[in-house]
Amino acid sequence: MRLTRLYTPDIAFAENLRVPLKEEHAHYLLRVLRLEEGAGVVLFNAESGGWRASLNVVGKKAIAVLQEQIQPPQPVSDIWLVASPLKKEAWEWVIEKSVELGVAALQPALMEFTQNARVNEDRARANMIEASQQCERTEVPEFLHVEKLESLLKKWDKDRVLYVALERGDAKPALEVFDKTKPGAILVGPEGGFSMREKELFLKYDFIKPVSLGTLILRAETASLAALSLWMAK
């Protein structure tokens, strides 16, 4: 039976440590799943990995008593996804699947053809936690504050290569260009692609490398996941 996993940051786990669970976690375990005293759960965070624990019920509250580490902390591929916010369902799909594909951080960027400029950062982070719990990651990726593309590029860390997924053109295939020995980020445009002004802007920066995802025109959400899949397969 697969145990319920709960993200519990900022705690150094140890055998027999008693961890009071958040009210929402206790409610979910006791009222939704109807778990009882002694039931098994898993707590995890980036520093301690995943730990099996037994449930101690005290009224409406719950305490997890740590037993043993069952999953060591996992190394993270240092790849970011920089993407234009999409309509609700597509955007949440990108968030969920990027977590499953091992992204270290997701940076929403506003571009000329962005159709949804409103970003609910709290909801996005909650979606990332849920996706991390489901796919058994031991850490939760960062969800960075939304930025306008132009201002983002001006203050970009030049040590992190920015691979721009361009439609058509003469860019080389992503698998030939990706270099996993350096920190990287993949930039994917909105529906409608990048504007001519944005394409001209890319030419100003040495840290930007154009890549091709193939000969077909991909939806924005498909392009994000295709690019991350290629990075992980490199």
Protein backbone atom coordinates (compact mmCIF):
# COMPACT_ATOMS: atom_id res chain seq x y z
CA MET A 1 0.00 0.00 0.00
CA ARG A 2 1.38 3.40 -0.98
CA LEU A 3 1.67 5.73 2.00
CA THR A 4 0.49 9.34 1.93
CA ARG A 5 3.42 11.74 1.53
CA LEU A 6 3.50 15.13 3.26
CA TYR A 7 5.94 17.94 2.49
CA THR A 8 7.37 19.13 5.80
CA PRO A 9 10.08 21.77 5.22
CA ASP A 10 12.54 23.37 7.65
CA ILE A 11 12.83 20.34 9.93
CA ALA A 12 15.88 18.09 10.31
CA PHE A 13 14.44 14.59 10.60
CA ALA A 14 15.75 11.99 13.05
CA GLU A 15 14.59 8.64 14.37
CA ASN A 16 11.79 8.94 16.98
CA LEU A 17 11.39 12.68 16.38
CA ARG A 18 7.81 13.78 17.00
CA VAL A 19 6.61 16.21 14.34
CA PRO A 20 3.32 18.08 14.94
CA LEU A 21 1.47 18.17 11.62
CA LYS A 22 -0.11 21.27 10.15
CA GLU A 23 -3.82 21.68 10.69
CA GLU A 24 -4.58 21.07 6.99
CA HIS A 25 -2.47 17.91 7.00
CA ALA A 26 -4.16 16.61 10.14
CA HIS A 27 -7.60 17.34 8.67
CA TYR A 28 -6.73 15.53 5.45
CA LEU A 29 -5.36 12.46 7.22
CA LEU A 30 -8.01 12.18 9.93
CA ARG A 31 -11.18 13.53 8.28
CA VAL A 32 -10.66 12.81 4.58
CA LEU A 33 -8.57 9.63 4.57
CA ARG A 34 -9.90 8.60 8.00
CA LEU A 35 -6.54 7.24 9.13
CA GLU A 36 -6.31 5.99 12.68
CA GLU A 37 -3.70 5.82 15.43
CA GLY A 38 -0.56 4.07 14.23
CA ALA A 39 -1.23 4.50 10.51
CA GLY A 40 1.80 5.00 8.33
CA VAL A 41 2.67 8.22 6.49
CA VAL A 42 5.80 9.63 4.86
CA LEU A 43 7.28 13.04 5.60
CA PHE A 44 9.81 14.54 3.21
CA ASN A 45 11.93 17.58 2.52
CA ALA A 46 15.01 18.43 0.49
CA GLU A 47 17.47 18.23 3.38
CA SER A 48 16.33 14.99 5.03
CA GLY A 49 14.78 12.99 2.20
CA GLY A 50 11.74 10.82 2.85
CA TRP A 51 11.00 9.27 6.25
CA ARG A 52 8.37 6.71 7.24
CA ALA A 53 6.39 7.77 10.30
CA SER A 54 3.50 6.50 12.40
CA LEU A 55 0.50 8.63 13.20
CA ASN A 56 -0.19 9.69 16.77
CA VAL A 57 -3.73 11.12 17.13
CA VAL A 58 -4.42 13.64 19.90
CA GLY A 59 -7.99 14.88 19.59
CA LYS A 60 -8.24 16.77 16.32
CA LYS A 61 -4.48 17.08 16.10
CA ALA A 62 -1.96 14.66 14.66
CA ILE A 63 1.71 14.01 15.36
CA ALA A 64 3.99 12.02 13.08
CA VAL A 65 6.55 9.92 14.94
CA LEU A 66 9.51 9.38 12.63
CA GLN A 67 10.76 5.81 12.30
CA GLU A 68 13.32 5.49 9.50
CA GLN A 69 14.60 7.13 6.35
CA ILE A 70 13.26 5.33 3.28
CA GLN A 71 14.46 7.78 0.64
CA PRO A 72 17.70 9.79 0.69
CA PRO A 73 17.74 13.40 -0.49
CA GLN A 74 17.75 13.45 -4.29
CA PRO A 75 20.13 15.52 -6.40
CA VAL A 76 18.33 18.02 -8.61
CA SER A 77 19.17 18.77 -12.21
CA ASP A 78 19.92 22.49 -12.31
CA ILE A 79 17.40 23.40 -15.00
CA TRP A 80 14.80 26.17 -14.85
CA LEU A 81 11.74 26.63 -16.99
CA VAL A 82 10.97 30.21 -18.04
CA ALA A 83 7.48 30.27 -19.49
CA SER A 84 4.66 32.64 -20.34
CA PRO A 85 1.65 32.13 -18.04
CA LEU A 86 -1.14 30.35 -19.91
CA LYS A 87 -4.85 29.93 -19.37
CA LYS A 88 -5.72 28.23 -16.08
CA GLU A 89 -5.88 24.53 -17.02
CA ALA A 90 -2.92 24.64 -19.40
CA TRP A 91 -0.82 26.60 -16.89
CA GLU A 92 -1.54 24.20 -14.05
CA TRP A 93 -0.70 21.30 -16.37
CA VAL A 94 2.68 22.89 -17.15
CA ILE A 95 3.37 23.40 -13.45
CA GLU A 96 2.48 19.82 -12.55
CA LYS A 97 4.38 18.16 -15.39
CA SER A 98 7.46 20.35 -15.04
CA VAL A 99 7.72 19.19 -11.43
CA GLU A 100 7.43 15.57 -12.55
CA LEU A 101 10.18 16.16 -15.10
CA GLY A 102 12.59 17.41 -12.46
CA VAL A 103 12.67 21.17 -12.99
CA ALA A 104 14.53 23.07 -10.25
CA ALA A 105 12.60 26.33 -10.64
CA LEU A 106 9.77 27.78 -12.69
CA GLN A 107 9.98 31.43 -13.70
CA PRO A 108 6.80 32.97 -15.15
CA ALA A 109 7.65 35.70 -17.66
CA LEU A 110 5.30 38.21 -19.24
CA MET A 111 5.79 38.60 -23.01
CA GLU A 112 4.13 40.64 -25.73
CA PHE A 113 1.70 37.86 -26.68
CA THR A 114 1.04 36.63 -23.13
CA GLN A 115 -2.70 36.02 -22.78
CA ASN A 116 -2.87 35.58 -19.02
CA ALA A 117 -0.88 38.16 -17.06
CA ARG A 118 -2.47 37.26 -13.69
CA VAL A 119 -0.40 34.72 -11.80
CA ASN A 120 -1.63 33.22 -8.53
CA GLU A 121 1.75 32.44 -6.95
CA ASP A 122 0.30 30.80 -3.83
CA ARG A 123 -1.80 28.41 -5.90
CA ALA A 124 1.17 27.63 -8.14
CA ARG A 125 3.35 26.75 -5.15
CA ALA A 126 0.57 24.58 -3.71
CA ASN A 127 0.35 22.77 -7.05
CA MET A 128 4.10 22.21 -6.97
CA ILE A 129 3.94 20.72 -3.49
CA GLU A 130 1.10 18.40 -4.51
CA ALA A 131 2.96 17.30 -7.65
CA SER A 132 6.15 16.67 -5.63
CA GLN A 133 4.17 14.54 -3.17
CA GLN A 134 2.67 12.50 -5.99
CA CYS A 135 5.85 11.89 -8.01
CA GLU A 136 7.99 11.16 -4.93
CA ARG A 137 10.46 13.99 -5.27
CA THR A 138 12.19 14.83 -2.02
CA GLU A 139 12.31 18.57 -2.71
CA VAL A 140 9.82 21.09 -4.07
CA PRO A 141 10.96 23.35 -6.93
CA GLU A 142 11.00 27.12 -6.56
CA PHE A 143 8.21 29.15 -8.09
CA LEU A 144 9.77 32.54 -8.78
CA HIS A 145 8.03 35.90 -8.89
CA VAL A 146 6.53 36.83 -12.23
CA GLU A 147 8.70 39.21 -14.28
CA LYS A 148 8.45 41.03 -17.58
CA LEU A 149 10.73 39.29 -20.06
CA GLU A 150 12.79 42.38 -20.85
CA SER A 151 13.54 43.18 -17.19
CA LEU A 152 14.26 39.52 -16.50
CA LEU A 153 16.90 39.40 -19.23
CA LYS A 154 18.54 42.60 -18.00
CA LYS A 155 19.31 41.08 -14.59
CA TRP A 156 19.83 37.47 -15.73
CA ASP A 157 22.70 35.53 -14.15
CA LYS A 158 25.06 35.19 -17.12
CA ASP A 159 26.45 31.91 -15.76
CA ARG A 160 23.07 30.27 -16.40
CA VAL A 161 22.66 29.50 -20.10
CA LEU A 162 19.23 30.47 -21.41
CA TYR A 163 18.03 28.16 -24.19
CA VAL A 164 15.28 29.81 -26.22
CA ALA A 165 12.89 27.42 -27.98
CA LEU A 166 12.36 29.02 -31.38
CA GLU A 167 9.87 27.87 -33.99
CA ARG A 168 11.31 27.17 -37.40
CA GLY A 169 14.38 29.26 -38.20
CA ASP A 170 17.87 27.78 -38.37
CA ALA A 171 18.38 26.89 -34.68
CA LYS A 172 20.13 23.59 -34.03
CA PRO A 173 18.22 20.69 -32.40
CA ALA A 174 17.97 21.06 -28.64
CA LEU A 175 19.76 17.76 -27.95
CA GLU A 176 22.81 19.03 -29.83
CA VAL A 177 22.90 22.35 -27.98
CA PHE A 178 22.00 21.47 -24.39
CA ASP A 179 25.00 21.39 -22.05
CA LYS A 180 24.21 19.81 -18.70
CA THR A 181 27.64 20.65 -17.28
CA LYS A 182 26.40 24.22 -16.75
CA PRO A 183 23.31 25.66 -15.02
CA GLY A 184 20.58 26.08 -17.60
CA ALA A 185 17.13 27.46 -18.24
CA ILE A 186 14.66 26.86 -21.06
CA LEU A 187 12.60 29.79 -22.34
CA VAL A 188 9.31 28.95 -24.05
CA GLY A 189 7.07 31.58 -25.59
CA PRO A 190 3.30 32.07 -25.26
CA GLU A 191 0.58 31.05 -27.69
CA GLY A 192 1.49 32.90 -30.86
CA GLY A 193 5.20 32.64 -30.15
CA PHE A 194 7.72 35.41 -29.60
CA SER A 195 7.26 38.82 -31.18
CA MET A 196 9.79 40.19 -33.66
CA ARG A 197 10.96 42.68 -31.03
CA GLU A 198 11.60 39.85 -28.56
CA LYS A 199 13.53 37.86 -31.17
CA GLU A 200 15.69 40.92 -31.80
CA LEU A 201 16.19 41.30 -28.05
CA PHE A 202 17.58 37.77 -27.81
CA LEU A 203 20.41 38.71 -30.17
CA LYS A 204 21.77 41.20 -27.61
CA TYR A 205 22.74 38.61 -25.00
CA ASP A 206 25.62 36.14 -25.17
CA PHE A 207 24.07 33.85 -22.57
CA ILE A 208 21.12 33.08 -24.88
CA LYS A 209 21.29 30.08 -27.18
CA PRO A 210 18.45 29.30 -29.64
CA VAL A 211 17.28 25.70 -29.90
CA SER A 212 14.83 23.85 -32.12
CA LEU A 213 12.23 21.38 -30.83
CA GLY A 214 11.53 19.99 -34.30
CA THR A 215 9.81 20.97 -37.51
CA LEU A 216 6.25 21.05 -36.14
CA ILE A 217 4.56 23.98 -34.42
CA LEU A 218 3.88 22.99 -30.81
CA ARG A 219 1.38 24.43 -28.38
CA ALA A 220 3.08 26.44 -25.64
CA GLU A 221 2.41 23.82 -22.97
CA THR A 222 3.60 21.01 -25.24
CA ALA A 223 6.80 22.90 -26.07
CA SER A 224 7.62 23.37 -22.36
CA LEU A 225 7.33 19.69 -21.61
CA ALA A 226 9.04 18.59 -24.82
CA ALA A 227 12.04 20.77 -24.05
CA LEU A 228 12.32 19.54 -20.45
CA SER A 229 12.01 15.92 -21.62
CA LEU A 230 14.89 16.47 -24.05
CA TRP A 231 17.00 18.03 -21.29
CA MET A 232 16.41 15.06 -18.99
CA ALA A 233 17.20 12.63 -21.82
CA LYS A 234 20.51 14.35 -22.65
